[in-house]
Protein backbone atom coordinates (compact mmCIF):
# COMPACT_ATOMS: atom_id res chain seq x y z
CA MET A 1 -19.51 11.38 16.66
CA ASN A 2 -18.40 12.98 19.77
CA GLU A 3 -18.54 9.58 21.62
CA LEU A 4 -15.88 6.65 22.12
CA ASP A 5 -16.34 3.59 20.60
CA PRO A 6 -17.62 1.79 23.51
CA ALA A 7 -16.19 -1.68 22.17
CA PHE A 8 -13.03 0.03 21.13
CA HIS A 9 -10.37 -1.46 23.98
CA ILE A 10 -7.97 0.79 24.46
CA PRO A 11 -4.35 -0.56 24.62
CA ASP A 12 -2.31 -1.11 27.93
CA VAL A 13 1.75 0.76 27.74
CA LYS A 14 2.55 -3.54 27.82
CA LEU A 15 1.32 -4.10 24.42
CA VAL A 16 1.40 -0.51 22.59
CA LYS A 17 5.19 -0.92 24.13
CA ARG A 18 5.53 -4.36 21.71
CA MET A 19 3.56 -2.93 19.04
CA ILE A 20 6.35 0.23 18.01
CA HIS A 21 9.46 -2.42 19.45
CA LEU A 22 7.84 -5.16 16.72
CA ALA A 23 7.11 -2.61 13.99
CA HIS A 24 10.68 -0.78 13.55
CA ASN A 25 12.22 -4.84 13.66
CA HIS A 26 10.30 -5.15 10.83
CA SER A 27 11.13 -1.36 9.75
CA VAL A 28 14.56 -1.35 10.04
CA PRO A 29 16.19 -4.56 7.86
CA LEU A 30 13.28 -3.06 4.84
CA LEU A 31 15.04 1.05 5.32
CA ARG A 32 18.02 -1.48 5.15
CA ASP A 33 17.93 -3.32 1.93
CA ASN A 34 16.49 -0.43 0.39
CA LEU A 35 18.74 1.88 0.99
CA LYS A 36 21.95 -0.23 -0.14
CA GLN A 37 19.94 0.11 -3.35
CA ASN A 38 18.76 2.80 -4.10
CA VAL A 39 21.64 5.43 -2.23
CA ILE A 40 23.51 7.00 -4.34
CA LYS A 41 24.72 9.98 -1.93
CA VAL A 42 24.33 10.82 2.35
CA SER A 43 25.68 14.36 3.12
CA LEU A 44 26.41 14.24 7.22
CA THR A 45 26.31 17.43 8.87
CA MET A 46 26.36 19.16 12.65
CA ASP A 47 25.74 22.36 14.05
CA PHE A 48 26.61 23.05 17.75
CA GLY A 49 24.31 25.81 17.60
CA GLN A 50 24.39 28.84 19.56
CA GLU A 51 26.70 29.83 22.91
CA LYS A 52 23.57 29.71 25.46
CA THR A 53 22.67 25.73 24.32
CA ASP A 54 24.65 22.68 24.75
CA LYS A 55 22.48 21.39 21.52
CA VAL A 56 23.99 19.78 18.98
CA LEU A 57 21.88 19.03 15.25
CA LEU A 58 23.08 15.98 13.09
CA GLU A 59 21.81 16.73 9.84
CA LEU A 60 21.71 13.80 7.30
CA LEU A 61 20.64 13.86 3.44
CA VAL A 62 19.90 10.59 1.56
CA TYR A 63 20.26 11.02 -1.96
CA THR A 64 18.49 8.03 -3.97
CA SER A 65 18.27 6.92 -7.19
CA LEU A 66 13.63 6.91 -6.49
């Protein structure tokens, strides 16, 4: 249980990036269609954080009929 499967080939960085790109291109249209069909209300808020930091928090709440 503590050893790797010698038959498993670790993918290189280019392959991993390609797989992520393909998954993104497949998933985004599906998500858009799902949101178009099921969204009831969207709420977008921003919080500029504390004085000590430049960070901005962006929050998106999506209410659906599902």
